[in-house]
Every structure is written in C-alpha cells, then in structure tokens.
Amino acid sequence: MASDLHLAGDLATNKAVARSFFEAIVAGDTVAIDALVHPQAHWWVQGWGDLSRMAFLNGLGQTIARARTRRYAVVTLTAEQDRVAVEATASFEFPEGTYQNTYHFLFRMSDGRIVEGKEYLDTTVAARFYPPAAPGTRE
C-alpha cells in the first residue's frame, strides 16, 4: 500500500513537470525550461532526429525568441511509471505567419526532471517554419 502511494505521488509529480514545461514555453521562461530538463537529457523530434540537450534547448530558445505569441493546449496527459504522454496543440505567431500544429510528446522522467523527450508532429506543417537541422547542430 505504501509503495502504491509513493508511485501515485511520483505520477502526480511527473505530470506536474510536464505541465510546467509547456507553461514555461508559453511564458518564454528559458530559465525554467532549463531547470525542468535533466542535465543528461536527450531529445528526438520526428523529421529532425536525435538532438542533444544543448541542441534542443538552443532550438527551443530560438523559437521562443522569434515568436510574438506562444500557446500550448494540453489535450490529454497520462502518466505511468517514469513516463508521461501528452497530446497537445500549439500555436505560435512568427513574423512569417502563424504556426499551428498537433503534437504527441512522450517524456521519461528522472529526479523530477525530463530526461528524455520524444516529439511527434505534422512534419509538413513544421517544415514551413523550421529548416532541417544543419550537420553538427544536433550535438
């Protein structure tokens, strides 16, 4: 029974970390994002492949800097063991137009931080606003 309560607490914490991640993006709070992403984290983005923590955070920071407005809506959020699955929609206002996409994120958590992120999205929509990763920028 005690382990069930501990697991439920971990699940609630993991869900809160995932929600905080999206809230920080919307707020443009790169310091909070940095704190939520584990130092050993790595990321994978559909259409762009594997990214180191630094490459992911740099790319996200550039997105935040060029977006006049940022919105994420969490549609569903489910946690099990060390994973949190999030279905979300996003809308960003860039100088070149409005970016809107639908996402599925799968996060793995460790020590109350995101240690792995997998990001699934409509790559056709994303390609109009995000160029392919240049060689050497994924590390």
C-alpha atoms as a PDB file:
ATOM      1  CA  MET A   1       0.000   0.000   0.000  1.00  0.00           C
ATOM      2  CA  ALA A   2       2.797   2.451   0.875  1.00  0.00           C
ATOM      3  CA  SER A   3       4.525   1.783  -2.477  1.00  0.00           C
ATOM      4  CA  ASP A   4       1.221   2.486  -4.277  1.00  0.00           C
ATOM      5  CA  LEU A   5       1.022   5.859  -2.520  1.00  0.00           C
ATOM      6  CA  HIS A   6       4.656   6.610  -3.438  1.00  0.00           C
ATOM      7  CA  LEU A   7       4.005   5.705  -7.082  1.00  0.00           C
ATOM      8  CA  ALA A   8       0.894   7.906  -7.155  1.00  0.00           C
ATOM      9  CA  GLY A   9       2.972  10.788  -5.774  1.00  0.00           C
ATOM     10  CA  ASP A  10       5.636  10.233  -8.427  1.00  0.00           C
ATOM     11  CA  LEU A  11       2.983  10.162 -11.141  1.00  0.00           C
ATOM     12  CA  ALA A  12       1.493  13.429  -9.888  1.00  0.00           C
ATOM     13  CA  THR A  13       4.967  14.996  -9.777  1.00  0.00           C
ATOM     14  CA  ASN A  14       5.773  13.756 -13.284  1.00  0.00           C
ATOM     15  CA  LYS A  15       2.502  15.170 -14.631  1.00  0.00           C
ATOM     16  CA  ALA A  16       3.216  18.498 -12.935  1.00  0.00           C
ATOM     17  CA  VAL A  17       6.695  18.631 -14.514  1.00  0.00           C
ATOM     18  CA  ALA A  18       5.198  18.010 -17.965  1.00  0.00           C
ATOM     19  CA  ARG A  19       2.585  20.743 -17.483  1.00  0.00           C
ATOM     20  CA  SER A  20       5.243  23.127 -16.165  1.00  0.00           C
ATOM     21  CA  PHE A  21       7.337  22.516 -19.271  1.00  0.00           C
ATOM     22  CA  PHE A  22       4.542  23.764 -21.551  1.00  0.00           C
ATOM     23  CA  GLU A  23       3.703  26.651 -19.217  1.00  0.00           C
ATOM     24  CA  ALA A  24       7.350  27.744 -19.321  1.00  0.00           C
ATOM     25  CA  ILE A  25       7.370  27.688 -23.130  1.00  0.00           C
ATOM     26  CA  VAL A  26       4.233  29.827 -23.264  1.00  0.00           C
ATOM     27  CA  ALA A  27       5.745  32.247 -20.727  1.00  0.00           C
ATOM     28  CA  GLY A  28       9.054  32.339 -22.616  1.00  0.00           C
ATOM     29  CA  ASP A  29      10.825  31.297 -19.415  1.00  0.00           C
ATOM     30  CA  THR A  30      14.010  29.648 -20.680  1.00  0.00           C
ATOM     31  CA  VAL A  31      15.450  29.519 -17.144  1.00  0.00           C
ATOM     32  CA  ALA A  32      12.503  27.384 -16.001  1.00  0.00           C
ATOM     33  CA  ILE A  33      12.792  25.186 -19.095  1.00  0.00           C
ATOM     34  CA  ASP A  34      16.491  24.641 -18.373  1.00  0.00           C
ATOM     35  CA  ALA A  35      15.631  23.646 -14.794  1.00  0.00           C
ATOM     36  CA  LEU A  36      12.953  21.172 -15.949  1.00  0.00           C
ATOM     37  CA  VAL A  37      15.240  19.382 -18.433  1.00  0.00           C
ATOM     38  CA  HIS A  38      17.693  16.975 -16.785  1.00  0.00           C
ATOM     39  CA  PRO A  39      21.421  17.642 -17.449  1.00  0.00           C
ATOM     40  CA  GLN A  40      21.703  14.191 -19.084  1.00  0.00           C
ATOM     41  CA  ALA A  41      18.566  14.638 -21.220  1.00  0.00           C
ATOM     42  CA  HIS A  42      18.321  13.917 -24.893  1.00  0.00           C
ATOM     43  CA  TRP A  43      15.536  14.626 -27.346  1.00  0.00           C
ATOM     44  CA  TRP A  44      14.158  13.124 -30.527  1.00  0.00           C
ATOM     45  CA  VAL A  45      11.936  15.124 -32.891  1.00  0.00           C
ATOM     46  CA  GLN A  46      10.059  13.493 -35.756  1.00  0.00           C
ATOM     47  CA  GLY A  47      11.644  14.636 -39.010  1.00  0.00           C
ATOM     48  CA  TRP A  48      14.707  16.093 -37.265  1.00  0.00           C
ATOM     49  CA  GLY A  49      16.026  13.060 -35.375  1.00  0.00           C
ATOM     50  CA  ASP A  50      18.148  12.891 -32.240  1.00  0.00           C
ATOM     51  CA  LEU A  51      19.176  16.099 -30.503  1.00  0.00           C
ATOM     52  CA  SER A  52      21.461  16.633 -27.558  1.00  0.00           C
ATOM     53  CA  ARG A  53      20.121  18.581 -24.597  1.00  0.00           C
ATOM     54  CA  MET A  54      22.043  21.655 -25.727  1.00  0.00           C
ATOM     55  CA  ALA A  55      20.841  21.454 -29.336  1.00  0.00           C
ATOM     56  CA  PHE A  56      17.243  21.007 -28.192  1.00  0.00           C
ATOM     57  CA  LEU A  57      17.376  23.884 -25.708  1.00  0.00           C
ATOM     58  CA  ASN A  58      19.099  26.170 -28.230  1.00  0.00           C
ATOM     59  CA  GLY A  59      16.469  25.432 -30.862  1.00  0.00           C
ATOM     60  CA  LEU A  60      13.624  25.927 -28.401  1.00  0.00           C
ATOM     61  CA  GLY A  61      15.207  29.186 -27.217  1.00  0.00           C
ATOM     62  CA  GLN A  62      15.328  30.433 -30.810  1.00  0.00           C
ATOM     63  CA  THR A  63      11.672  29.515 -31.281  1.00  0.00           C
ATOM     64  CA  ILE A  64      10.717  31.376 -28.117  1.00  0.00           C
ATOM     65  CA  ALA A  65      12.751  34.436 -29.133  1.00  0.00           C
ATOM     66  CA  ARG A  66      11.176  34.760 -32.579  1.00  0.00           C
ATOM     67  CA  ALA A  67       7.574  34.026 -31.580  1.00  0.00           C
ATOM     68  CA  ARG A  68       5.460  37.070 -30.769  1.00  0.00           C
ATOM     69  CA  THR A  69       2.941  34.822 -29.013  1.00  0.00           C
ATOM     70  CA  ARG A  70       3.091  31.206 -27.905  1.00  0.00           C
ATOM     71  CA  ARG A  71       0.201  28.941 -26.968  1.00  0.00           C
ATOM     72  CA  TYR A  72       0.106  25.295 -25.980  1.00  0.00           C
ATOM     73  CA  ALA A  73      -3.078  23.478 -25.045  1.00  0.00           C
ATOM     74  CA  VAL A  74      -2.696  20.144 -23.301  1.00  0.00           C
ATOM     75  CA  VAL A  75      -5.484  17.951 -24.671  1.00  0.00           C
ATOM     76  CA  THR A  76      -4.685  14.778 -22.719  1.00  0.00           C
ATOM     77  CA  LEU A  77      -1.985  13.854 -20.235  1.00  0.00           C
ATOM     78  CA  THR A  78      -1.322  10.325 -18.984  1.00  0.00           C
ATOM     79  CA  ALA A  79       1.405   9.055 -16.658  1.00  0.00           C
ATOM     80  CA  GLU A  80       2.668   5.564 -15.974  1.00  0.00           C
ATOM     81  CA  GLN A  81       5.899   4.517 -14.260  1.00  0.00           C
ATOM     82  CA  ASP A  82       8.551   7.079 -15.330  1.00  0.00           C
ATOM     83  CA  ARG A  83       6.712   8.171 -18.496  1.00  0.00           C
ATOM     84  CA  VAL A  84       4.271  10.954 -19.269  1.00  0.00           C
ATOM     85  CA  ALA A  85       2.373  11.035 -22.559  1.00  0.00           C
ATOM     86  CA  VAL A  86       0.969  14.383 -23.665  1.00  0.00           C
ATOM     87  CA  GLU A  87      -1.306  15.186 -26.566  1.00  0.00           C
ATOM     88  CA  ALA A  88      -1.149  18.919 -27.252  1.00  0.00           C
ATOM     89  CA  THR A  89      -1.888  21.603 -29.784  1.00  0.00           C
ATOM     90  CA  ALA A  90       0.351  24.594 -30.349  1.00  0.00           C
ATOM     91  CA  SER A  91       0.030  27.981 -31.982  1.00  0.00           C
ATOM     92  CA  PHE A  92       2.942  30.395 -32.401  1.00  0.00           C
ATOM     93  CA  GLU A  93       2.871  33.801 -34.083  1.00  0.00           C
ATOM     94  CA  PHE A  94       6.067  34.278 -36.094  1.00  0.00           C
ATOM     95  CA  PRO A  95       6.938  37.218 -38.354  1.00  0.00           C
ATOM     96  CA  GLU A  96       6.383  34.949 -41.372  1.00  0.00           C
ATOM     97  CA  GLY A  97       2.948  33.745 -40.204  1.00  0.00           C
ATOM     98  CA  THR A  98       1.008  31.619 -37.744  1.00  0.00           C
ATOM     99  CA  TYR A  99       2.357  28.173 -36.966  1.00  0.00           C
ATOM    100  CA  GLN A 100      -0.236  25.682 -35.725  1.00  0.00           C
ATOM    101  CA  ASN A 101       0.456  22.025 -35.139  1.00  0.00           C
ATOM    102  CA  THR A 102      -0.735  18.986 -33.218  1.00  0.00           C
ATOM    103  CA  TYR A 103       1.756  17.108 -31.060  1.00  0.00           C
ATOM    104  CA  HIS A 104       2.277  13.971 -29.096  1.00  0.00           C
ATOM    105  CA  PHE A 105       5.101  14.122 -26.560  1.00  0.00           C
ATOM    106  CA  LEU A 106       6.458  11.171 -24.646  1.00  0.00           C
ATOM    107  CA  PHE A 107       8.601  12.209 -21.701  1.00  0.00           C
ATOM    108  CA  ARG A 108      10.694   9.994 -19.439  1.00  0.00           C
ATOM    109  CA  MET A 109      11.321  11.490 -16.022  1.00  0.00           C
ATOM    110  CA  SER A 110      14.150  11.137 -13.549  1.00  0.00           C
ATOM    111  CA  ASP A 111      14.654  13.055 -10.310  1.00  0.00           C
ATOM    112  CA  GLY A 112      11.668  15.270 -11.063  1.00  0.00           C
ATOM    113  CA  ARG A 113      13.052  16.382 -14.432  1.00  0.00           C
ATOM    114  CA  ILE A 114      12.641  15.417 -18.080  1.00  0.00           C
ATOM    115  CA  VAL A 115      15.470  13.054 -19.012  1.00  0.00           C
ATOM    116  CA  GLU A 116      14.142  12.038 -22.426  1.00  0.00           C
ATOM    117  CA  GLY A 117      11.723  13.685 -24.825  1.00  0.00           C
ATOM    118  CA  LYS A 118      10.143  12.287 -27.958  1.00  0.00           C
ATOM    119  CA  GLU A 119       8.184  14.764 -30.038  1.00  0.00           C
ATOM    120  CA  TYR A 120       5.756  13.659 -32.750  1.00  0.00           C
ATOM    121  CA  LEU A 121       4.200  16.299 -35.030  1.00  0.00           C
ATOM    122  CA  ASP A 122       2.985  17.036 -38.540  1.00  0.00           C
ATOM    123  CA  THR A 123       6.336  17.468 -40.278  1.00  0.00           C
ATOM    124  CA  THR A 124       4.802  19.074 -43.382  1.00  0.00           C
ATOM    125  CA  VAL A 125       3.441  21.937 -41.274  1.00  0.00           C
ATOM    126  CA  ALA A 126       6.660  22.229 -39.255  1.00  0.00           C
ATOM    127  CA  ALA A 127       8.921  22.294 -42.341  1.00  0.00           C
ATOM    128  CA  ARG A 128       7.355  25.585 -43.454  1.00  0.00           C
ATOM    129  CA  PHE A 129       8.663  27.266 -40.276  1.00  0.00           C
ATOM    130  CA  TYR A 130      11.673  25.175 -39.217  1.00  0.00           C
ATOM    131  CA  PRO A 131      14.542  24.310 -41.556  1.00  0.00           C
ATOM    132  CA  PRO A 132      16.190  20.884 -41.397  1.00  0.00           C
ATOM    133  CA  ALA A 133      18.886  20.600 -38.756  1.00  0.00           C
ATOM    134  CA  ALA A 134      22.265  21.534 -40.192  1.00  0.00           C
ATOM    135  CA  PRO A 135      25.089  18.994 -39.846  1.00  0.00           C
ATOM    136  CA  GLY A 136      26.773  19.285 -36.470  1.00  0.00           C
ATOM    137  CA  THR A 137      23.863  21.087 -34.778  1.00  0.00           C
ATOM    138  CA  ARG A 138      22.380  18.015 -33.150  1.00  0.00           C
ATOM    139  CA  GLU A 139      25.070  17.688 -30.532  1.00  0.00           C
END
